[in-house]
Protein backbone atom coordinates (compact mmCIF):
# COMPACT_ATOMS: atom_id res chain seq x y z
CA MET A 1 124.86 136.30 95.19
CA GLU A 2 122.41 135.03 92.58
CA LYS A 3 121.71 131.90 94.65
CA THR A 4 121.12 134.02 97.75
CA ASN A 5 118.64 136.21 95.88
CA LYS A 6 116.80 133.13 94.63
CA VAL A 7 116.51 131.68 98.13
CA LEU A 8 115.30 135.03 99.43
CA LYS A 9 112.72 135.23 96.65
CA TYR A 10 111.41 131.75 97.50
CA LEU A 11 111.28 132.61 101.19
CA LEU A 12 109.34 135.84 100.61
CA LEU A 13 106.87 134.14 98.27
CA PHE A 14 106.39 131.30 100.72
CA LEU A 15 105.71 133.72 103.58
CA LEU A 16 103.32 135.72 101.40
CA VAL A 17 101.26 132.65 100.53
CA VAL A 18 101.17 131.44 104.14
CA ILE A 19 100.16 134.87 105.46
CA VAL A 20 97.39 135.22 102.87
CA LEU A 21 96.10 131.70 103.51
CA TYR A 22 96.15 131.64 107.28
CA TYR A 23 95.77 135.27 108.34
CA ILE A 24 94.02 137.29 105.65
CA THR A 25 91.58 135.11 103.73
CA PRO A 26 89.81 132.69 106.12
CA LYS A 27 86.42 134.40 105.79
CA ILE A 28 86.95 135.25 102.12
CA LEU A 29 87.92 131.62 101.54
CA TYR A 30 84.55 130.31 102.68
CA ASN A 31 82.54 133.04 100.97
CA TYR A 32 84.09 132.89 97.50
CA PHE A 33 86.18 129.74 97.00
CA ILE A 34 85.10 126.67 99.00
CA PHE A 35 82.38 125.60 101.38
CA PRO A 36 83.39 124.45 104.89
CA ILE A 37 82.35 121.36 106.78
CA THR A 38 80.06 122.63 109.54
CA LYS A 39 77.93 121.27 112.35
CA GLU A 40 75.86 123.44 114.67
CA ASN A 41 77.43 126.55 113.06
CA LYS A 42 80.93 125.36 113.93
CA ILE A 43 83.53 124.98 111.16
CA TYR A 44 85.58 121.79 111.18
CA LEU A 45 88.98 122.13 109.53
CA PHE A 46 90.80 119.31 107.71
CA GLY A 47 87.64 117.23 107.47
CA ASP A 48 89.01 114.47 105.20
CA TRP A 49 91.96 113.93 107.53
CA SER A 50 89.91 114.10 110.73
CA VAL A 51 87.63 111.27 109.55
CA ILE A 52 90.68 109.00 109.32
CA ILE A 53 91.77 109.94 112.85
CA SER A 54 88.25 109.36 114.15
CA ALA A 55 88.19 105.94 112.48
CA ILE A 56 91.47 105.05 114.20
CA LYS A 57 89.93 106.05 117.54
CA CYS A 58 86.85 103.91 116.94
CA LYS A 59 88.98 100.99 115.78
CA TYR A 60 90.61 101.02 119.23
CA LEU A 61 87.06 100.82 120.64
CA ASN A 62 86.43 97.68 118.53
CA TYR A 63 84.05 99.29 116.05
CA ASN A 64 83.99 98.08 112.47
CA VAL A 65 84.60 101.56 111.08
CA PHE A 66 83.72 100.47 107.55
CA LEU A 67 80.15 100.05 108.84
CA ASP A 68 79.92 102.46 111.77
CA ASN A 69 82.15 105.31 112.92
CA PRO A 70 80.46 107.20 115.78
CA CYS A 71 83.79 108.86 116.69
CA ASP A 72 83.43 111.12 113.64
CA MET A 73 81.47 114.32 114.24
CA LEU A 74 79.34 113.58 111.13
CA GLY A 75 79.25 109.81 111.58
CA ARG A 76 81.15 109.24 108.33
CA ARG A 77 82.34 105.70 107.69
CA HIS A 78 85.89 104.77 106.74
CA VAL A 79 86.11 104.63 102.93
CA TYR A 80 89.86 104.23 102.50
CA GLY A 81 92.14 101.23 102.77
CA ALA A 82 92.55 99.50 106.14
CA ILE A 83 96.27 100.32 106.14
CA LEU A 84 95.45 103.87 107.29
CA LEU A 85 93.87 102.50 110.46
CA TYR A 86 97.33 101.42 111.60
CA ILE A 87 98.71 104.96 111.77
CA PRO A 88 100.11 105.32 115.32
CA TYR A 89 97.75 107.42 117.43
CA ILE A 90 98.29 108.77 120.97
CA GLU A 91 95.21 110.34 122.53
CA LYS A 92 97.03 113.03 124.55
CA TYR A 93 98.50 114.45 121.34
CA ASN A 94 95.10 114.74 119.67
CA ILE A 95 95.57 118.47 118.95
CA PHE A 96 98.78 117.65 117.07
CA TYR A 97 97.01 115.08 114.88
CA LEU A 98 94.02 117.28 114.09
CA LEU A 99 95.62 120.73 113.80
CA TYR A 100 99.40 121.00 113.82
CA PHE A 101 100.15 118.00 111.62
CA PRO A 102 97.72 119.14 108.85
CA ILE A 103 99.24 122.63 108.94
CA ILE A 104 102.74 121.17 108.63
CA ILE A 105 101.69 119.05 105.64
CA ASN A 106 100.10 122.07 103.97
CA LEU A 107 103.28 124.09 104.48
CA ILE A 108 105.35 121.30 102.95
CA PHE A 109 102.91 121.10 100.05
CA ILE A 110 103.11 124.84 99.38
CA PHE A 111 106.91 124.71 99.54
CA VAL A 112 107.07 121.77 97.11
CA ILE A 113 104.83 123.60 94.62
CA LEU A 114 106.89 126.77 95.02
CA ILE A 115 110.31 125.24 94.27
CA HIS A 116 109.10 123.87 90.93
CA PHE A 117 109.01 127.42 89.56
CA ASN A 118 112.00 129.52 88.52
CA PHE A 119 109.94 132.74 88.42
CA GLU A 120 111.77 134.06 85.38
CA SER A 121 108.68 135.76 83.99
CA ILE A 122 105.48 137.42 85.13
CA LYS A 123 103.59 134.46 83.65
CA GLU A 124 105.25 132.04 86.10
CA TYR A 125 104.24 134.20 89.05
CA PHE A 126 100.69 134.34 87.76
CA LEU A 127 100.61 130.57 87.14
CA PHE A 128 101.90 129.88 90.65
CA PHE A 129 99.34 132.09 92.36
CA THR A 130 96.41 130.94 90.21
CA PHE A 131 97.31 127.34 90.98
CA ILE A 132 97.60 127.88 94.74
CA PHE A 133 94.57 130.18 95.07
CA ASN A 134 92.29 127.95 93.06
CA PRO A 135 89.21 126.20 94.52
CA SER A 136 90.58 122.72 93.82
CA THR A 137 93.94 123.39 95.53
CA LEU A 138 92.35 125.34 98.37
CA LEU A 139 89.82 122.57 98.98
CA LEU A 140 92.61 119.98 98.97
CA MET A 141 94.48 121.89 101.70
CA GLU A 142 91.37 122.84 103.68
CA ARG A 143 90.16 119.23 103.79
CA LEU A 144 93.68 117.76 103.87
CA ASN A 145 92.52 114.98 101.60
CA ILE A 146 94.82 111.97 101.28
CA ASP A 147 95.50 113.02 97.66
CA ILE A 148 97.92 115.59 99.05
CA PHE A 149 100.05 112.81 100.57
CA ILE A 150 99.91 110.77 97.37
CA PHE A 151 101.04 113.78 95.36
CA LEU A 152 103.96 114.50 97.71
CA PHE A 153 105.11 110.87 97.57
CA LEU A 154 104.90 110.95 93.77
CA VAL A 155 107.24 113.95 93.72
CA LEU A 156 109.61 112.14 96.08
CA LEU A 157 109.65 108.93 94.03
CA CYS A 158 110.21 110.75 90.73
CA TYR A 159 113.10 112.64 92.30
CA LEU A 160 114.89 109.82 94.15
CA LYS A 161 114.53 107.11 91.45
CA LYS A 162 114.87 104.16 93.85
CA ASN A 163 113.01 100.93 93.07
CA ILE A 164 113.03 99.83 96.70
CA LEU A 165 111.18 103.05 97.59
CA ASN A 166 108.83 102.47 94.66
CA LEU A 167 108.06 99.00 96.00
CA PHE A 168 107.30 100.21 99.51
CA PHE A 169 105.42 103.43 98.78
CA VAL A 170 103.48 102.33 95.69
CA SER A 171 102.25 99.25 97.56
CA SER A 172 101.32 101.23 100.68
CA LEU A 173 99.65 104.10 98.84
CA THR A 174 97.64 101.73 96.65
CA LEU A 175 96.34 99.96 99.75
CA ALA A 176 95.34 103.35 101.14
CA LYS A 177 93.47 104.72 98.11
CA PHE A 178 93.84 102.21 95.27
CA TYR A 179 94.55 104.49 92.29
CA PRO A 180 98.31 104.90 93.09
CA ILE A 181 98.72 101.54 91.33
CA LEU A 182 99.01 103.89 88.34
CA PHE A 183 102.51 104.73 89.62
CA PHE A 184 103.68 101.39 88.15
CA PRO A 185 105.59 102.95 85.17
CA LEU A 186 108.08 104.25 87.75
CA PHE A 187 109.49 100.71 87.89
CA PHE A 188 110.35 100.80 84.19
CA LEU A 189 111.62 104.33 83.66
CA LYS A 190 115.19 103.06 83.85
CA ASN A 191 117.93 101.98 81.50
CA TYR A 192 117.22 98.86 79.44
CA ASN A 193 119.99 96.80 80.99
CA LYS A 194 117.98 96.77 84.24
CA LEU A 195 114.71 95.69 82.65
CA LEU A 196 114.60 92.26 84.37
CA LYS A 197 115.37 93.77 87.78
CA ASN A 198 112.70 96.41 87.28
CA PHE A 199 110.18 93.76 86.27
CA ILE A 200 110.92 91.76 89.42
CA TYR A 201 110.27 94.83 91.59
CA PHE A 202 107.05 95.53 89.67
CA THR A 203 105.70 91.97 90.02
CA SER A 204 106.64 91.96 93.71
CA CYS A 205 104.65 95.17 94.15
CA LEU A 206 101.64 93.71 92.36
CA ALA A 207 101.84 90.50 94.40
CA LEU A 208 101.83 92.49 97.66
CA ILE A 209 98.95 94.67 96.55
CA PHE A 210 96.70 91.87 95.33
CA THR A 211 97.47 89.71 98.35
CA PHE A 212 96.36 92.45 100.74
CA LEU A 213 93.39 93.41 98.56
CA TYR A 214 92.26 89.79 98.62
CA LEU A 215 92.52 89.76 102.40
CA GLU A 216 90.53 93.03 102.51
CA LYS A 217 87.87 91.99 99.98
CA ASN A 218 85.02 92.20 102.50
CA ASN A 219 85.97 95.74 103.46
CA LEU A 220 86.24 96.71 99.79
CA ILE A 221 82.69 95.50 99.20
CA VAL A 222 81.46 97.68 102.07
CA ILE A 223 83.45 100.67 100.75
CA SER A 224 81.84 100.28 97.32
CA ARG A 225 78.43 100.44 98.98
CA ASN A 226 79.44 103.72 100.62
CA SER A 227 80.51 105.29 97.32
CA GLY A 228 78.11 108.18 97.86
CA GLN A 229 80.35 109.39 100.68
CA PHE A 230 83.32 109.97 98.36
CA SER A 231 81.51 110.72 95.08
CA ALA A 232 81.54 114.39 94.15
CA TYR A 233 78.53 116.65 93.75
CA TYR A 234 78.26 117.77 90.11
CA SER A 235 79.48 121.32 90.87
CA TRP A 236 82.70 119.94 92.32
CA SER A 237 83.10 116.95 90.03
CA PHE A 238 86.23 116.17 88.04
CA ASN A 239 84.85 113.44 85.82
CA PHE A 240 84.12 112.74 82.17
CA PHE A 241 80.38 112.42 82.85
CA ALA A 242 80.11 115.66 84.86
CA LEU A 243 78.63 117.56 81.91
CA SER A 244 75.74 115.07 81.73
CA LYS A 245 74.86 115.71 85.40
CA ILE A 246 74.28 119.46 85.26
CA PRO A 247 70.54 120.10 85.93
CA THR A 248 70.43 123.12 83.59
CA LEU A 249 71.52 120.97 80.66
CA LEU A 250 69.35 118.01 81.65
CA SER A 251 66.31 120.26 81.41
CA ILE A 252 67.12 120.76 77.70
CA PHE A 253 68.94 117.62 76.55
CA SER A 254 68.79 113.96 77.49
CA LYS A 255 71.63 112.37 79.43
CA ASP A 256 72.55 110.19 76.44
CA GLN A 257 72.81 113.24 74.19
CA LEU A 258 75.13 114.96 76.64
CA ILE A 259 77.31 111.86 77.00
CA PHE A 260 77.49 111.56 73.20
CA SER A 261 78.53 115.22 72.95
CA SER A 262 81.23 114.60 75.56
CA PHE A 263 82.40 111.59 73.58
CA LEU A 264 82.69 113.66 70.38
CA LEU A 265 84.83 116.21 72.22
CA PHE A 266 86.94 113.38 73.61
CA VAL A 267 87.59 111.80 70.18
CA THR A 268 88.47 115.16 68.60
CA PHE A 269 90.89 116.35 71.27
CA CYS A 270 92.37 112.91 71.95
CA TYR A 271 93.31 112.77 68.25
CA LEU A 272 94.84 116.25 68.51
CA GLY A 273 96.81 115.06 71.54
CA ILE A 274 98.12 112.03 69.66
CA PHE A 275 99.12 114.24 66.74
CA PHE A 276 100.78 116.72 69.10
CA SER A 277 102.68 113.98 70.92
CA LYS A 278 103.80 112.33 67.69
CA LYS A 279 104.86 115.49 65.86
CA ILE A 280 106.01 117.77 68.67
CA ILE A 281 106.86 115.98 71.94
CA ILE A 282 108.36 112.87 70.36
CA GLY A 283 109.02 114.25 66.89
CA LYS A 284 111.29 116.99 68.24
CA GLY A 285 112.91 114.67 70.81
CA TYR A 286 111.56 116.51 73.84
CA ILE A 287 110.90 113.57 76.15
CA LEU A 288 111.67 109.92 75.41
CA ASP A 289 115.43 109.81 75.90
CA SER A 290 115.12 111.86 79.08
CA LEU A 291 112.16 109.79 80.24
CA VAL A 292 113.86 106.41 79.93
CA ASN A 293 116.86 107.79 81.81
CA ARG A 294 114.57 109.10 84.54
CA GLY A 295 114.68 112.83 83.91
CA TYR A 296 112.78 114.30 86.84
CA HIS A 297 110.46 116.67 84.95
CA GLU A 298 109.76 114.03 82.30
CA SER A 299 108.98 111.32 84.86
CA LEU A 300 106.72 113.64 86.85
CA PHE A 301 104.90 114.61 83.66
CA PHE A 302 104.47 111.01 82.52
CA ILE A 303 103.10 109.63 85.80
CA SER A 304 101.00 112.69 86.67
CA ALA A 305 99.42 112.76 83.21
CA GLY A 306 98.55 109.06 83.52
CA ILE A 307 96.82 109.61 86.86
CA PHE A 308 95.18 112.86 85.73
CA VAL A 309 93.62 111.13 82.71
CA SER A 310 92.82 107.70 84.18
CA THR A 311 91.04 108.95 87.28
CA TYR A 312 89.07 111.51 85.22
CA PHE A 313 87.52 108.73 83.15
CA ALA A 314 87.31 106.07 85.86
CA PHE A 315 85.97 107.83 88.98
CA ASN A 316 83.57 110.57 90.01
CA ASN A 317 86.36 112.54 91.63
CA TRP A 318 86.20 115.59 93.81
CA ILE A 319 88.06 118.48 92.22
CA TYR A 320 91.16 118.05 94.38
CA ARG A 321 92.19 115.17 92.10
CA GLU A 322 93.18 118.01 89.77
CA ILE A 323 96.34 118.37 91.85
CA PHE A 324 97.97 116.01 89.37
CA LEU A 325 97.56 118.65 86.67
CA PHE A 326 100.47 120.35 88.43
CA GLY A 327 102.76 117.44 87.48
CA LEU A 328 102.49 118.56 83.86
CA LEU A 329 103.51 122.15 84.50
CA PRO A 330 107.28 121.86 85.22
CA PHE A 331 107.73 119.95 81.94
CA PHE A 332 105.65 122.49 79.99
CA ILE A 333 107.52 125.41 81.61
CA LYS A 334 110.85 123.79 80.74
CA LEU A 335 109.85 123.43 77.09
CA SER A 336 108.14 126.83 76.86
CA LYS A 337 111.62 128.31 76.49
CA LYS A 338 112.09 126.26 73.31
CA ASP A 339 108.68 126.13 71.68
CA ILE A 340 105.84 128.63 71.40
CA ILE A 341 103.29 125.80 71.45
CA PHE A 342 104.17 125.03 75.07
CA ARG A 343 103.91 128.72 75.98
CA ASN A 344 100.39 128.66 74.59
CA LEU A 345 99.62 125.47 76.53
CA ILE A 346 100.60 127.27 79.73
CA ASN A 347 98.39 130.21 78.71
CA PHE A 348 95.49 127.82 78.23
CA ILE A 349 96.03 126.18 81.64
CA ILE A 350 96.14 129.60 83.31
CA PHE A 351 92.90 130.51 81.56
CA ARG A 352 91.34 127.25 82.72
CA LEU A 353 92.38 127.83 86.36
CA VAL A 354 90.98 131.37 86.37
CA PHE A 355 87.79 130.37 84.57
CA PHE A 356 87.19 127.49 86.97
CA THR A 357 87.58 129.83 89.95
CA ILE A 358 84.89 132.11 88.51
CA SER A 359 82.54 129.32 87.39
CA SER A 360 82.74 127.47 90.71
CA TYR A 361 81.89 130.67 92.59
CA PHE A 362 78.73 131.23 90.53
CA SER A 363 77.75 127.56 90.67
CA ILE A 364 78.33 126.99 94.40
CA PHE A 365 77.52 130.35 95.93
CA LYS A 366 75.11 131.86 93.39
CA LYS A 367 73.44 128.61 92.21
CA ASN A 368 74.08 129.57 88.58
CA ASP A 369 75.53 126.75 86.47
CA PHE A 370 75.87 128.62 83.18
CA LEU A 371 79.65 129.09 83.38
CA LEU A 372 80.06 125.61 84.86
CA ILE A 373 78.82 124.14 81.56
CA PHE A 374 81.71 125.74 79.69
CA ASN A 375 84.15 124.78 82.42
CA GLN A 376 83.21 121.12 82.09
CA MET A 377 83.61 121.36 78.32
CA ILE A 378 87.05 122.89 78.78
CA ASP A 379 87.97 120.04 81.13
CA ILE A 380 86.88 117.41 78.61
CA CYS A 381 88.99 119.08 75.91
CA LEU A 382 92.04 119.47 78.18
CA VAL A 383 91.97 115.96 79.66
CA SER A 384 91.26 114.36 76.27
CA PHE A 385 94.20 116.24 74.76
CA VAL A 386 96.48 115.00 77.56
CA CYS A 387 94.98 111.52 77.09
CA GLY A 388 96.09 111.54 73.45
CA ILE A 389 99.59 112.59 74.49
CA ILE A 390 99.95 109.91 77.12
CA LEU A 391 98.47 107.16 74.93
CA TRP A 392 101.05 107.83 72.23
CA LEU A 393 103.87 107.98 74.79
CA TYR A 394 102.80 104.65 76.28
CA PHE A 395 102.60 103.17 72.79
CA ARG A 396 106.13 104.28 71.95
CA LEU A 397 107.48 103.11 75.29
CA ILE A 398 105.94 99.64 74.90
CA ILE A 399 107.19 99.29 71.32
CA ASN A 400 110.70 100.26 72.31
CA PHE A 401 110.72 97.97 75.34
CA PHE A 402 109.68 95.02 73.18
CA ILE A 403 112.36 95.61 70.60
CA LEU A 404 114.88 96.75 73.24
CA LYS A 405 115.75 99.69 71.07
CA LYS A 406 117.09 103.05 72.17
CA PHE A 407 114.70 105.89 71.64
CA ILE A 408 115.41 108.02 68.60
């Protein structure tokens, strides 16, 4: 009976989200949360996915889509890996590729997010809805950016724990968008007696990736020249240097001063993260034993945190890269039942999601960046804190691998 009630609860919540997204909020969505891709007053859905399909079409017409892609309604060039150009495409099913398939992927994505919650408290309901109805998540689904596929495969790989799948998907995803190389710890989150086997899989993956990247070096050079096409505008940027790009601040401070201020915040909160990881997460035995034995929540946290932090400092990301923040939540929710500190972490993340929704509205639709300044400061503090956690976890993992010692 309890299981039936849980399934019914999930079904009702799923239907509620789908109805709100697809039947109630389309106009509200574009007026308060995200801006659409338009041409001649016509809205184009799933714009990041459609540019890939258009590139595939032009490839069949013998265009070098890294240089010229007239099949796209905005003439956007292909800025992903060449592997995506080999997705099977049949012209007569064009409506499936451009409409039905994106909707199916979005439904799967919503379902995957949903089943990570137990909904045992009002806070979990609120966290779920603030995460789904947040500009970064909504933009991810509206554009159907490839990050949504990478996230779903990450969930799959953390759950199934198969090195052969790691080899295939990590290699393929890295060739599509490069940063999934950060999935590499998945090869080592196993028992120590399989260390050599895991290392062989890892080196095989690297060999495949670098071989294909070498063969694609000319295309990579062209992609780097088109970086403006995939670099985020400051209002939608998820990047360490975003604070130093806000015009309101640049009218008062120099760029170097703003970067230095960001660096001070980073050092402070990174240290707090290291202390927190050392004294709480590791000190109380919350993660390492489960992590090395491939506990699902622990593995998802470890890999998602690594991507969340690394891409924040390395790239000028659009806000949908924040999807990897979700990978931290199941682990925090699990531990919130044991420790008040994790309950407060969840409170802080909820606050951040709500505050970002408000600040992005004023910045994008009202051209007022005042709240955006504080949002970017919050992001620096949050990501730096997670950076400290993950740095200490990596340090402990490496030390224990070298001495082949069981975690204590």
